[in-house]
Amino acid sequence: RIENADAMPFSWIKNNTFYSPADYSPPDIFCPVAEYDTDSTAVLYINN
């Protein structure tokens, strides 16, 4: 979970492996990463 990340400078999440339980099902979230109150361009996701 990421909260309140600033758009500049960028953050990056690169070359990582995310592990979730088989029954993973948080409400309204369909991905391993959830960004709250964060500009959608603030974090770069590269090769995860």
All heavy atoms as atom14 arrays in JSON, in Angstrom:
{
  "sequence": "RIENADAMPFSWIKNNTFYSPADYSPPDIFCPVAEYDTDSTAVLYINN",
  "atom14_mask": [
    [1, 1, 1, 1, 1, 1, 1, 1, 1, 1, 1, 0, 0, 0],
    [1, 1, 1, 1, 1, 1, 1, 1, 0, 0, 0, 0, 0, 0],
    [1, 1, 1, 1, 1, 1, 1, 1, 1, 0, 0, 0, 0, 0],
    [1, 1, 1, 1, 1, 1, 1, 1, 0, 0, 0, 0, 0, 0],
    [1, 1, 1, 1, 1, 0, 0, 0, 0, 0, 0, 0, 0, 0],
    [1, 1, 1, 1, 1, 1, 1, 1, 0, 0, 0, 0, 0, 0],
    [1, 1, 1, 1, 1, 0, 0, 0, 0, 0, 0, 0, 0, 0],
    [1, 1, 1, 1, 1, 1, 1, 1, 0, 0, 0, 0, 0, 0],
    [1, 1, 1, 1, 1, 1, 1, 0, 0, 0, 0, 0, 0, 0],
    [1, 1, 1, 1, 1, 1, 1, 1, 1, 1, 1, 0, 0, 0],
    [1, 1, 1, 1, 1, 1, 0, 0, 0, 0, 0, 0, 0, 0],
    [1, 1, 1, 1, 1, 1, 1, 1, 1, 1, 1, 1, 1, 1],
    [1, 1, 1, 1, 1, 1, 1, 1, 0, 0, 0, 0, 0, 0],
    [1, 1, 1, 1, 1, 1, 1, 1, 1, 0, 0, 0, 0, 0],
    [1, 1, 1, 1, 1, 1, 1, 1, 0, 0, 0, 0, 0, 0],
    [1, 1, 1, 1, 1, 1, 1, 1, 0, 0, 0, 0, 0, 0],
    [1, 1, 1, 1, 1, 1, 1, 0, 0, 0, 0, 0, 0, 0],
    [1, 1, 1, 1, 1, 1, 1, 1, 1, 1, 1, 0, 0, 0],
    [1, 1, 1, 1, 1, 1, 1, 1, 1, 1, 1, 1, 0, 0],
    [1, 1, 1, 1, 1, 1, 0, 0, 0, 0, 0, 0, 0, 0],
    [1, 1, 1, 1, 1, 1, 1, 0, 0, 0, 0, 0, 0, 0],
    [1, 1, 1, 1, 1, 0, 0, 0, 0, 0, 0, 0, 0, 0],
    [1, 1, 1, 1, 1, 1, 1, 1, 0, 0, 0, 0, 0, 0],
    [1, 1, 1, 1, 1, 1, 1, 1, 1, 1, 1, 1, 0, 0],
    [1, 1, 1, 1, 1, 1, 0, 0, 0, 0, 0, 0, 0, 0],
    [1, 1, 1, 1, 1, 1, 1, 0, 0, 0, 0, 0, 0, 0],
    [1, 1, 1, 1, 1, 1, 1, 0, 0, 0, 0, 0, 0, 0],
    [1, 1, 1, 1, 1, 1, 1, 1, 0, 0, 0, 0, 0, 0],
    [1, 1, 1, 1, 1, 1, 1, 1, 0, 0, 0, 0, 0, 0],
    [1, 1, 1, 1, 1, 1, 1, 1, 1, 1, 1, 0, 0, 0],
    [1, 1, 1, 1, 1, 1, 0, 0, 0, 0, 0, 0, 0, 0],
    [1, 1, 1, 1, 1, 1, 1, 0, 0, 0, 0, 0, 0, 0],
    [1, 1, 1, 1, 1, 1, 1, 0, 0, 0, 0, 0, 0, 0],
    [1, 1, 1, 1, 1, 0, 0, 0, 0, 0, 0, 0, 0, 0],
    [1, 1, 1, 1, 1, 1, 1, 1, 1, 0, 0, 0, 0, 0],
    [1, 1, 1, 1, 1, 1, 1, 1, 1, 1, 1, 1, 0, 0],
    [1, 1, 1, 1, 1, 1, 1, 1, 0, 0, 0, 0, 0, 0],
    [1, 1, 1, 1, 1, 1, 1, 0, 0, 0, 0, 0, 0, 0],
    [1, 1, 1, 1, 1, 1, 1, 1, 0, 0, 0, 0, 0, 0],
    [1, 1, 1, 1, 1, 1, 0, 0, 0, 0, 0, 0, 0, 0],
    [1, 1, 1, 1, 1, 1, 1, 0, 0, 0, 0, 0, 0, 0],
    [1, 1, 1, 1, 1, 0, 0, 0, 0, 0, 0, 0, 0, 0],
    [1, 1, 1, 1, 1, 1, 1, 0, 0, 0, 0, 0, 0, 0],
    [1, 1, 1, 1, 1, 1, 1, 1, 0, 0, 0, 0, 0, 0],
    [1, 1, 1, 1, 1, 1, 1, 1, 1, 1, 1, 1, 0, 0],
    [1, 1, 1, 1, 1, 1, 1, 1, 0, 0, 0, 0, 0, 0],
    [1, 1, 1, 1, 1, 1, 1, 1, 0, 0, 0, 0, 0, 0],
    [1, 1, 1, 1, 1, 1, 1, 1, 0, 0, 0, 0, 0, 0]
  ],
  "atom14_positions": [
    [[0.84, -1.2, 0.0], [0.0, 0.0, 0.0], [0.88, 1.24, 0.0], [1.81, 1.35, 0.79], [-0.89, -0.02, 1.24], [-1.78, 1.18, 1.39], [-2.61, 1.05, 2.66], [-3.32, 2.27, 2.93], [-4.62, 2.35, 3.17], [-5.34, 1.25, 3.21], [-5.19, 3.49, 3.41], [0.0, 0.0, 0.0], [0.0, 0.0, 0.0], [0.0, 0.0, 0.0]],
    [[0.56, 2.19, -0.88], [1.29, 3.45, -0.97], [0.3, 4.57, -0.68], [-0.79, 4.59, -1.23], [1.89, 3.64, -2.37], [2.9, 2.53, -2.65], [2.52, 5.01, -2.51], [3.4, 2.51, -4.08], [0.0, 0.0, 0.0], [0.0, 0.0, 0.0], [0.0, 0.0, 0.0], [0.0, 0.0, 0.0], [0.0, 0.0, 0.0], [0.0, 0.0, 0.0]],
    [[0.7, 5.51, 0.19], [-0.16, 6.66, 0.51], [0.61, 7.96, 0.37], [1.75, 8.07, 0.79], [-0.66, 6.57, 1.96], [-1.66, 5.48, 2.21], [-2.18, 5.53, 3.63], [-2.29, 6.64, 4.2], [-2.48, 4.47, 4.16], [0.0, 0.0, 0.0], [0.0, 0.0, 0.0], [0.0, 0.0, 0.0], [0.0, 0.0, 0.0], [0.0, 0.0, 0.0]],
    [[-0.04, 8.95, -0.22], [0.46, 10.33, -0.29], [1.82, 10.47, -0.94], [2.62, 11.32, -0.53], [0.51, 10.95, 1.12], [-0.85, 11.03, 1.76], [-1.81, 11.45, 1.14], [-0.95, 10.59, 3.0], [0.0, 0.0, 0.0], [0.0, 0.0, 0.0], [0.0, 0.0, 0.0], [0.0, 0.0, 0.0], [0.0, 0.0, 0.0], [0.0, 0.0, 0.0]],
    [[2.12, 9.68, -1.96], [3.4, 9.85, -2.66], [3.35, 11.1, -3.51], [2.34, 11.4, -4.14], [3.69, 8.63, -3.52], [0.0, 0.0, 0.0], [0.0, 0.0, 0.0], [0.0, 0.0, 0.0], [0.0, 0.0, 0.0], [0.0, 0.0, 0.0], [0.0, 0.0, 0.0], [0.0, 0.0, 0.0], [0.0, 0.0, 0.0], [0.0, 0.0, 0.0]],
    [[4.43, 11.86, -3.53], [4.52, 13.07, -4.33], [4.87, 12.74, -5.77], [5.61, 11.8, -6.04], [5.59, 14.01, -3.76], [5.23, 14.53, -2.39], [4.04, 14.79, -2.17], [6.13, 14.68, -1.56], [0.0, 0.0, 0.0], [0.0, 0.0, 0.0], [0.0, 0.0, 0.0], [0.0, 0.0, 0.0], [0.0, 0.0, 0.0], [0.0, 0.0, 0.0]],
    [[4.38, 13.54, -6.7], [4.64, 13.29, -8.12], [6.09, 13.58, -8.51], [6.6, 12.99, -9.45], [3.68, 14.1, -8.99], [0.0, 0.0, 0.0], [0.0, 0.0, 0.0], [0.0, 0.0, 0.0], [0.0, 0.0, 0.0], [0.0, 0.0, 0.0], [0.0, 0.0, 0.0], [0.0, 0.0, 0.0], [0.0, 0.0, 0.0], [0.0, 0.0, 0.0]],
    [[6.75, 14.47, -7.84], [8.15, 14.78, -8.17], [8.94, 14.87, -6.88], [8.5, 15.52, -5.95], [8.25, 16.09, -8.93], [7.66, 16.03, -10.32], [8.43, 14.81, -11.37], [9.85, 15.69, -11.95], [0.0, 0.0, 0.0], [0.0, 0.0, 0.0], [0.0, 0.0, 0.0], [0.0, 0.0, 0.0], [0.0, 0.0, 0.0], [0.0, 0.0, 0.0]],
    [[10.07, 14.25, -6.75], [10.64, 13.35, -7.74], [9.91, 12.02, -7.74], [9.21, 11.71, -6.78], [12.09, 13.19, -7.27], [12.01, 13.36, -5.79], [10.91, 14.36, -5.56], [0.0, 0.0, 0.0], [0.0, 0.0, 0.0], [0.0, 0.0, 0.0], [0.0, 0.0, 0.0], [0.0, 0.0, 0.0], [0.0, 0.0, 0.0], [0.0, 0.0, 0.0]],
    [[10.11, 11.25, -8.77], [9.42, 9.97, -8.9], [9.94, 8.95, -7.89], [11.09, 8.97, -7.51], [9.62, 9.39, -10.3], [8.99, 10.19, -11.37], [9.76, 10.93, -12.25], [7.62, 10.22, -11.51], [9.17, 11.68, -13.26], [7.02, 10.96, -12.52], [7.8, 11.69, -13.39], [0.0, 0.0, 0.0], [0.0, 0.0, 0.0], [0.0, 0.0, 0.0]],
    [[9.06, 8.06, -7.51], [9.44, 6.86, -6.77], [9.49, 5.73, -7.79], [8.85, 5.81, -8.84], [8.4, 6.53, -5.71], [8.32, 7.55, -4.75], [0.0, 0.0, 0.0], [0.0, 0.0, 0.0], [0.0, 0.0, 0.0], [0.0, 0.0, 0.0], [0.0, 0.0, 0.0], [0.0, 0.0, 0.0], [0.0, 0.0, 0.0], [0.0, 0.0, 0.0]],
    [[10.23, 4.69, -7.48], [10.17, 3.55, -8.39], [10.09, 2.24, -7.63], [10.6, 2.09, -6.53], [11.27, 3.54, -9.42], [12.64, 3.14, -8.98], [13.04, 1.93, -8.49], [13.81, 3.94, -9.04], [14.37, 1.95, -8.23], [14.87, 3.16, -8.57], [14.05, 5.24, -9.47], [16.17, 3.65, -8.49], [15.34, 5.7, -9.38], [16.38, 4.92, -8.91]],
    [[9.39, 1.32, -8.26], [9.22, -0.05, -7.78], [9.73, -0.89, -8.95], [9.08, -0.98, -9.99], [7.73, -0.36, -7.49], [7.08, 0.71, -6.61], [7.58, -1.75, -6.93], [7.55, 0.77, -5.19], [0.0, 0.0, 0.0], [0.0, 0.0, 0.0], [0.0, 0.0, 0.0], [0.0, 0.0, 0.0], [0.0, 0.0, 0.0], [0.0, 0.0, 0.0]],
    [[10.92, -1.46, -8.81], [11.61, -2.05, -9.97], [12.16, -3.44, -9.66], [12.82, -3.64, -8.63], [12.74, -1.1, -10.38], [13.55, -1.54, -11.56], [14.62, -0.49, -11.86], [15.51, -0.9, -13.0], [16.58, 0.08, -13.23], [0.0, 0.0, 0.0], [0.0, 0.0, 0.0], [0.0, 0.0, 0.0], [0.0, 0.0, 0.0], [0.0, 0.0, 0.0]],
    [[11.89, -4.38, -10.58], [12.46, -5.74, -10.51], [12.14, -6.45, -9.2], [12.99, -7.13, -8.62], [13.98, -5.71, -10.72], [14.37, -5.22, -12.08], [13.66, -5.43, -13.05], [15.48, -4.51, -12.16], [0.0, 0.0, 0.0], [0.0, 0.0, 0.0], [0.0, 0.0, 0.0], [0.0, 0.0, 0.0], [0.0, 0.0, 0.0], [0.0, 0.0, 0.0]],
    [[10.91, -6.29, -8.73], [10.48, -6.94, -7.49], [9.5, -8.06, -7.79], [8.88, -8.1, -8.85], [9.78, -5.92, -6.59], [10.69, -4.78, -6.22], [11.65, -4.95, -5.49], [10.42, -3.6, -6.76], [0.0, 0.0, 0.0], [0.0, 0.0, 0.0], [0.0, 0.0, 0.0], [0.0, 0.0, 0.0], [0.0, 0.0, 0.0], [0.0, 0.0, 0.0]],
    [[9.35, -8.94, -6.81], [8.32, -9.97, -6.89], [7.41, -9.79, -5.68], [7.87, -9.75, -4.55], [8.93, -11.38, -6.88], [9.85, -11.49, -7.97], [7.85, -12.44, -7.04], [0.0, 0.0, 0.0], [0.0, 0.0, 0.0], [0.0, 0.0, 0.0], [0.0, 0.0, 0.0], [0.0, 0.0, 0.0], [0.0, 0.0, 0.0], [0.0, 0.0, 0.0]],
    [[6.11, -9.64, -5.97], [5.09, -9.48, -4.93], [4.41, -10.82, -4.72], [4.02, -11.47, -5.69], [4.06, -8.44, -5.37], [4.62, -7.05, -5.47], [5.34, -6.64, -6.57], [4.44, -6.14, -4.43], [5.87, -5.37, -6.66], [4.97, -4.86, -4.5], [5.68, -4.48, -5.61], [0.0, 0.0, 0.0], [0.0, 0.0, 0.0], [0.0, 0.0, 0.0]],
    [[4.25, -11.22, -3.46], [3.6, -12.48, -3.13], [2.34, -12.2, -2.33], [2.38, -11.5, -1.32], [4.53, -13.36, -2.29], [5.7, -13.9, -3.07], [6.85, -13.15, -3.25], [5.64, -15.17, -3.64], [7.92, -13.64, -3.98], [6.71, -15.67, -4.36], [7.85, -14.9, -4.53], [8.9, -15.39, -5.25], [0.0, 0.0, 0.0], [0.0, 0.0, 0.0]],
    [[1.23, -12.75, -2.83], [-0.07, -12.61, -2.15], [-0.63, -14.0, -1.88], [-0.36, -14.95, -2.63], [-1.06, -11.85, -3.04], [-0.56, -10.59, -3.43], [0.0, 0.0, 0.0], [0.0, 0.0, 0.0], [0.0, 0.0, 0.0], [0.0, 0.0, 0.0], [0.0, 0.0, 0.0], [0.0, 0.0, 0.0], [0.0, 0.0, 0.0], [0.0, 0.0, 0.0]],
    [[-1.45, -14.14, -0.83], [-2.07, -15.43, -0.56], [-3.01, -15.86, -1.7], [-3.5, -15.02, -2.45], [-2.88, -15.19, 0.73], [-2.39, -13.91, 1.29], [-1.81, -13.12, 0.16], [0.0, 0.0, 0.0], [0.0, 0.0, 0.0], [0.0, 0.0, 0.0], [0.0, 0.0, 0.0], [0.0, 0.0, 0.0], [0.0, 0.0, 0.0], [0.0, 0.0, 0.0]],
    [[-3.27, -17.15, -1.81], [-4.13, -17.68, -2.87], [-5.52, -17.07, -2.85], [-6.13, -16.84, -3.89], [-4.21, -19.2, -2.76], [0.0, 0.0, 0.0], [0.0, 0.0, 0.0], [0.0, 0.0, 0.0], [0.0, 0.0, 0.0], [0.0, 0.0, 0.0], [0.0, 0.0, 0.0], [0.0, 0.0, 0.0], [0.0, 0.0, 0.0], [0.0, 0.0, 0.0]],
    [[-6.04, -16.77, -1.65], [-7.39, -16.22, -1.52], [-7.4, -14.68, -1.45], [-8.34, -14.08, -0.96], [-8.09, -16.81, -0.3], [-7.32, -16.58, 1.0], [-6.11, -16.25, 0.95], [-7.92, -16.77, 2.08], [0.0, 0.0, 0.0], [0.0, 0.0, 0.0], [0.0, 0.0, 0.0], [0.0, 0.0, 0.0], [0.0, 0.0, 0.0], [0.0, 0.0, 0.0]],
    [[-6.36, -14.06, -2.0], [-6.22, -12.6, -1.99], [-7.44, -11.94, -2.6], [-7.79, -12.19, -3.76], [-4.97, -12.23, -2.79], [-4.65, -10.75, -2.84], [-4.15, -10.1, -1.73], [-4.81, -10.03, -4.01], [-3.82, -8.75, -1.77], [-4.48, -8.68, -4.08], [-3.99, -8.05, -2.95], [-3.67, -6.72, -3.0], [0.0, 0.0, 0.0], [0.0, 0.0, 0.0]],
    [[-8.12, -11.08, -1.82], [-9.33, -10.42, -2.33], [-9.72, -9.2, -1.51], [-10.85, -9.12, -1.02], [-10.48, -11.42, -2.36], [-10.71, -11.91, -1.05], [0.0, 0.0, 0.0], [0.0, 0.0, 0.0], [0.0, 0.0, 0.0], [0.0, 0.0, 0.0], [0.0, 0.0, 0.0], [0.0, 0.0, 0.0], [0.0, 0.0, 0.0], [0.0, 0.0, 0.0]],
    [[-8.82, -8.21, -1.36], [-9.24, -7.0, -0.65], [-10.36, -6.3, -1.43], [-10.38, -6.36, -2.66], [-7.99, -6.13, -0.62], [-6.92, -6.87, -1.28], [-7.46, -8.15, -1.82], [0.0, 0.0, 0.0], [0.0, 0.0, 0.0], [0.0, 0.0, 0.0], [0.0, 0.0, 0.0], [0.0, 0.0, 0.0], [0.0, 0.0, 0.0], [0.0, 0.0, 0.0]],
    [[-11.29, -5.67, -0.75], [-12.4, -5.0, -1.44], [-11.93, -3.95, -2.44], [-11.1, -3.11, -2.12], [-13.19, -4.34, -0.3], [-12.75, -5.03, 0.94], [-11.36, -5.52, 0.69], [0.0, 0.0, 0.0], [0.0, 0.0, 0.0], [0.0, 0.0, 0.0], [0.0, 0.0, 0.0], [0.0, 0.0, 0.0], [0.0, 0.0, 0.0], [0.0, 0.0, 0.0]],
    [[-12.43, -4.02, -3.67], [-12.18, -3.05, -4.73], [-10.73, -2.94, -5.17], [-10.34, -1.96, -5.79], [-12.69, -1.65, -4.33], [-14.17, -1.66, -4.02], [-14.92, -2.31, -4.77], [-14.56, -1.03, -3.03], [0.0, 0.0, 0.0], [0.0, 0.0, 0.0], [0.0, 0.0, 0.0], [0.0, 0.0, 0.0], [0.0, 0.0, 0.0], [0.0, 0.0, 0.0]],
    [[-9.91, -3.92, -4.83], [-8.5, -3.91, -5.22], [-8.22, -5.23, -5.94], [-8.45, -6.3, -5.38], [-7.58, -3.73, -4.0], [-7.88, -2.4, -3.34], [-6.11, -3.83, -4.4], [-7.24, -2.22, -2.0], [0.0, 0.0, 0.0], [0.0, 0.0, 0.0], [0.0, 0.0, 0.0], [0.0, 0.0, 0.0], [0.0, 0.0, 0.0], [0.0, 0.0, 0.0]],
    [[-7.71, -5.13, -7.15], [-7.5, -6.32, -7.96], [-6.03, -6.53, -8.32], [-5.71, -7.32, -9.2], [-8.35, -6.22, -9.23], [-9.79, -5.93, -8.92], [-10.29, -4.65, -9.05], [-10.63, -6.92, -8.43], [-11.61, -4.37, -8.74], [-11.95, -6.65, -8.1], [-12.44, -5.37, -8.27], [0.0, 0.0, 0.0], [0.0, 0.0, 0.0], [0.0, 0.0, 0.0]],
    [[-5.16, -5.81, -7.66], [-3.73, -5.83, -7.93], [-2.97, -5.96, -6.61], [-3.52, -5.68, -5.55], [-3.31, -4.53, -8.62], [-4.16, -4.22, -10.18], [0.0, 0.0, 0.0], [0.0, 0.0, 0.0], [0.0, 0.0, 0.0], [0.0, 0.0, 0.0], [0.0, 0.0, 0.0], [0.0, 0.0, 0.0], [0.0, 0.0, 0.0], [0.0, 0.0, 0.0]],
    [[-1.69, -6.31, -6.66], [-0.93, -6.39, -5.4], [-0.6, -5.03, -4.79], [-0.35, -4.93, -3.61], [0.33, -7.14, -5.8], [0.51, -6.81, -7.24], [-0.89, -6.72, -7.8], [0.0, 0.0, 0.0], [0.0, 0.0, 0.0], [0.0, 0.0, 0.0], [0.0, 0.0, 0.0], [0.0, 0.0, 0.0], [0.0, 0.0, 0.0], [0.0, 0.0, 0.0]],
    [[-0.6, -3.97, -5.62], [-0.26, -2.63, -5.14], [-1.5, -1.75, -5.16], [-2.24, -1.73, -6.15], [0.85, -1.99, -6.01], [1.13, -0.57, -5.55], [2.12, -2.83, -5.97], [0.0, 0.0, 0.0], [0.0, 0.0, 0.0], [0.0, 0.0, 0.0], [0.0, 0.0, 0.0], [0.0, 0.0, 0.0], [0.0, 0.0, 0.0], [0.0, 0.0, 0.0]],
    [[-1.73, -1.03, -4.07], [-2.85, -0.09, -3.97], [-2.3, 1.29, -3.64], [-1.59, 1.45, -2.65], [-3.83, -0.54, -2.9], [0.0, 0.0, 0.0], [0.0, 0.0, 0.0], [0.0, 0.0, 0.0], [0.0, 0.0, 0.0], [0.0, 0.0, 0.0], [0.0, 0.0, 0.0], [0.0, 0.0, 0.0], [0.0, 0.0, 0.0], [0.0, 0.0, 0.0]],
    [[-2.62, 2.27, -4.48], [-2.18, 3.65, -4.26], [-3.34, 4.47, -3.71], [-4.37, 4.59, -4.36], [-1.71, 4.28, -5.57], [-0.43, 3.7, -6.11], [0.03, 4.44, -7.36], [-0.66, 5.36, -7.82], [1.11, 4.08, -7.87], [0.0, 0.0, 0.0], [0.0, 0.0, 0.0], [0.0, 0.0, 0.0], [0.0, 0.0, 0.0], [0.0, 0.0, 0.0]],
    [[-3.14, 5.06, -2.52], [-4.14, 5.89, -1.87], [-3.66, 7.34, -1.86], [-2.51, 7.61, -1.5], [-4.38, 5.44, -0.43], [-5.13, 4.14, -0.33], [-4.46, 2.93, -0.45], [-6.5, 4.13, -0.12], [-5.15, 1.73, -0.35], [-7.2, 2.94, -0.02], [-6.51, 1.75, -0.14], [-7.2, 0.55, -0.06], [0.0, 0.0, 0.0], [0.0, 0.0, 0.0]],
    [[-4.54, 8.25, -2.25], [-4.23, 9.68, -2.19], [-2.88, 9.99, -2.85], [-2.09, 10.78, -2.34], [-4.25, 10.17, -0.74], [-5.56, 9.84, -0.05], [-6.63, 10.15, -0.62], [-5.53, 9.26, 1.04], [0.0, 0.0, 0.0], [0.0, 0.0, 0.0], [0.0, 0.0, 0.0], [0.0, 0.0, 0.0], [0.0, 0.0, 0.0], [0.0, 0.0, 0.0]],
    [[-2.64, 9.37, -3.98], [-1.37, 9.48, -4.69], [-1.66, 9.77, -6.15], [-2.52, 9.14, -6.76], [-0.58, 8.16, -4.56], [-0.2, 8.0, -3.2], [0.66, 8.14, -5.42], [0.0, 0.0, 0.0], [0.0, 0.0, 0.0], [0.0, 0.0, 0.0], [0.0, 0.0, 0.0], [0.0, 0.0, 0.0], [0.0, 0.0, 0.0], [0.0, 0.0, 0.0]],
    [[-0.92, 10.71, -6.73], [-1.03, 10.97, -8.16], [-0.65, 9.69, -8.91], [0.37, 9.07, -8.6], [-0.06, 12.11, -8.52], [-0.16, 12.53, -9.97], [-0.02, 11.65, -10.85], [-0.34, 13.72, -10.22], [0.0, 0.0, 0.0], [0.0, 0.0, 0.0], [0.0, 0.0, 0.0], [0.0, 0.0, 0.0], [0.0, 0.0, 0.0], [0.0, 0.0, 0.0]],
    [[-1.43, 9.3, -9.89], [-1.19, 8.03, -10.58], [0.11, 8.01, -11.38], [0.56, 6.96, -11.82], [-2.37, 7.69, -11.51], [-2.49, 8.67, -12.51], [0.0, 0.0, 0.0], [0.0, 0.0, 0.0], [0.0, 0.0, 0.0], [0.0, 0.0, 0.0], [0.0, 0.0, 0.0], [0.0, 0.0, 0.0], [0.0, 0.0, 0.0], [0.0, 0.0, 0.0]],
    [[0.76, 9.16, -11.53], [2.05, 9.21, -12.23], [3.23, 9.32, -11.26], [4.38, 9.43, -11.69], [2.1, 10.41, -13.19], [2.01, 11.63, -12.45], [0.98, 10.34, -14.22], [0.0, 0.0, 0.0], [0.0, 0.0, 0.0], [0.0, 0.0, 0.0], [0.0, 0.0, 0.0], [0.0, 0.0, 0.0], [0.0, 0.0, 0.0], [0.0, 0.0, 0.0]],
    [[2.99, 9.26, -9.98], [4.04, 9.48, -8.99], [5.0, 8.31, -8.84], [6.13, 8.48, -8.42], [3.43, 9.82, -7.63], [0.0, 0.0, 0.0], [0.0, 0.0, 0.0], [0.0, 0.0, 0.0], [0.0, 0.0, 0.0], [0.0, 0.0, 0.0], [0.0, 0.0, 0.0], [0.0, 0.0, 0.0], [0.0, 0.0, 0.0], [0.0, 0.0, 0.0]],
    [[4.55, 7.11, -9.16], [5.37, 5.92, -8.95], [5.57, 5.22, -10.28], [4.6, 4.96, -11.01], [4.71, 4.96, -7.94], [5.59, 3.74, -7.7], [4.41, 5.67, -6.62], [0.0, 0.0, 0.0], [0.0, 0.0, 0.0], [0.0, 0.0, 0.0], [0.0, 0.0, 0.0], [0.0, 0.0, 0.0], [0.0, 0.0, 0.0], [0.0, 0.0, 0.0]],
    [[6.8, 4.9, -10.59], [7.13, 4.15, -11.8], [7.23, 2.67, -11.44], [7.95, 2.31, -10.51], [8.45, 4.62, -12.39], [8.53, 6.08, -12.81], [9.96, 6.4, -13.26], [7.55, 6.37, -13.93], [0.0, 0.0, 0.0], [0.0, 0.0, 0.0], [0.0, 0.0, 0.0], [0.0, 0.0, 0.0], [0.0, 0.0, 0.0], [0.0, 0.0, 0.0]],
    [[6.54, 1.85, -12.18], [6.59, 0.4, -11.98], [7.33, -0.21, -13.16], [6.9, -0.09, -14.3], [5.18, -0.18, -11.89], [4.4, 0.38, -10.72], [3.52, 1.44, -10.87], [4.59, -0.15, -9.45], [2.84, 1.96, -9.79], [3.91, 0.37, -8.35], [3.03, 1.42, -8.54], [2.35, 1.94, -7.47], [0.0, 0.0, 0.0], [0.0, 0.0, 0.0]],
    [[8.46, -0.85, -12.87], [9.33, -1.36, -13.94], [9.64, -2.84, -13.67], [10.23, -3.18, -12.64], [10.65, -0.55, -13.99], [10.35, 0.93, -14.16], [11.56, -1.06, -15.1], [11.52, 1.84, -13.82], [0.0, 0.0, 0.0], [0.0, 0.0, 0.0], [0.0, 0.0, 0.0], [0.0, 0.0, 0.0], [0.0, 0.0, 0.0], [0.0, 0.0, 0.0]],
    [[9.21, -3.7, -14.57], [9.62, -5.11, -14.57], [9.35, -5.83, -13.25], [10.25, -6.44, -12.68], [11.1, -5.22, -14.96], [11.47, -6.63, -15.35], [10.67, -7.34, -15.94], [12.68, -7.04, -15.01], [0.0, 0.0, 0.0], [0.0, 0.0, 0.0], [0.0, 0.0, 0.0], [0.0, 0.0, 0.0], [0.0, 0.0, 0.0], [0.0, 0.0, 0.0]],
    [[8.12, -5.75, -12.75], [7.75, -6.44, -11.52], [6.93, -7.68, -11.84], [6.35, -7.8, -12.91], [6.93, -5.49, -10.64], [7.76, -4.32, -10.18], [8.67, -4.47, -9.39], [7.46, -3.14, -10.69], [0.0, 0.0, 0.0], [0.0, 0.0, 0.0], [0.0, 0.0, 0.0], [0.0, 0.0, 0.0], [0.0, 0.0, 0.0], [0.0, 0.0, 0.0]]
  ]
}
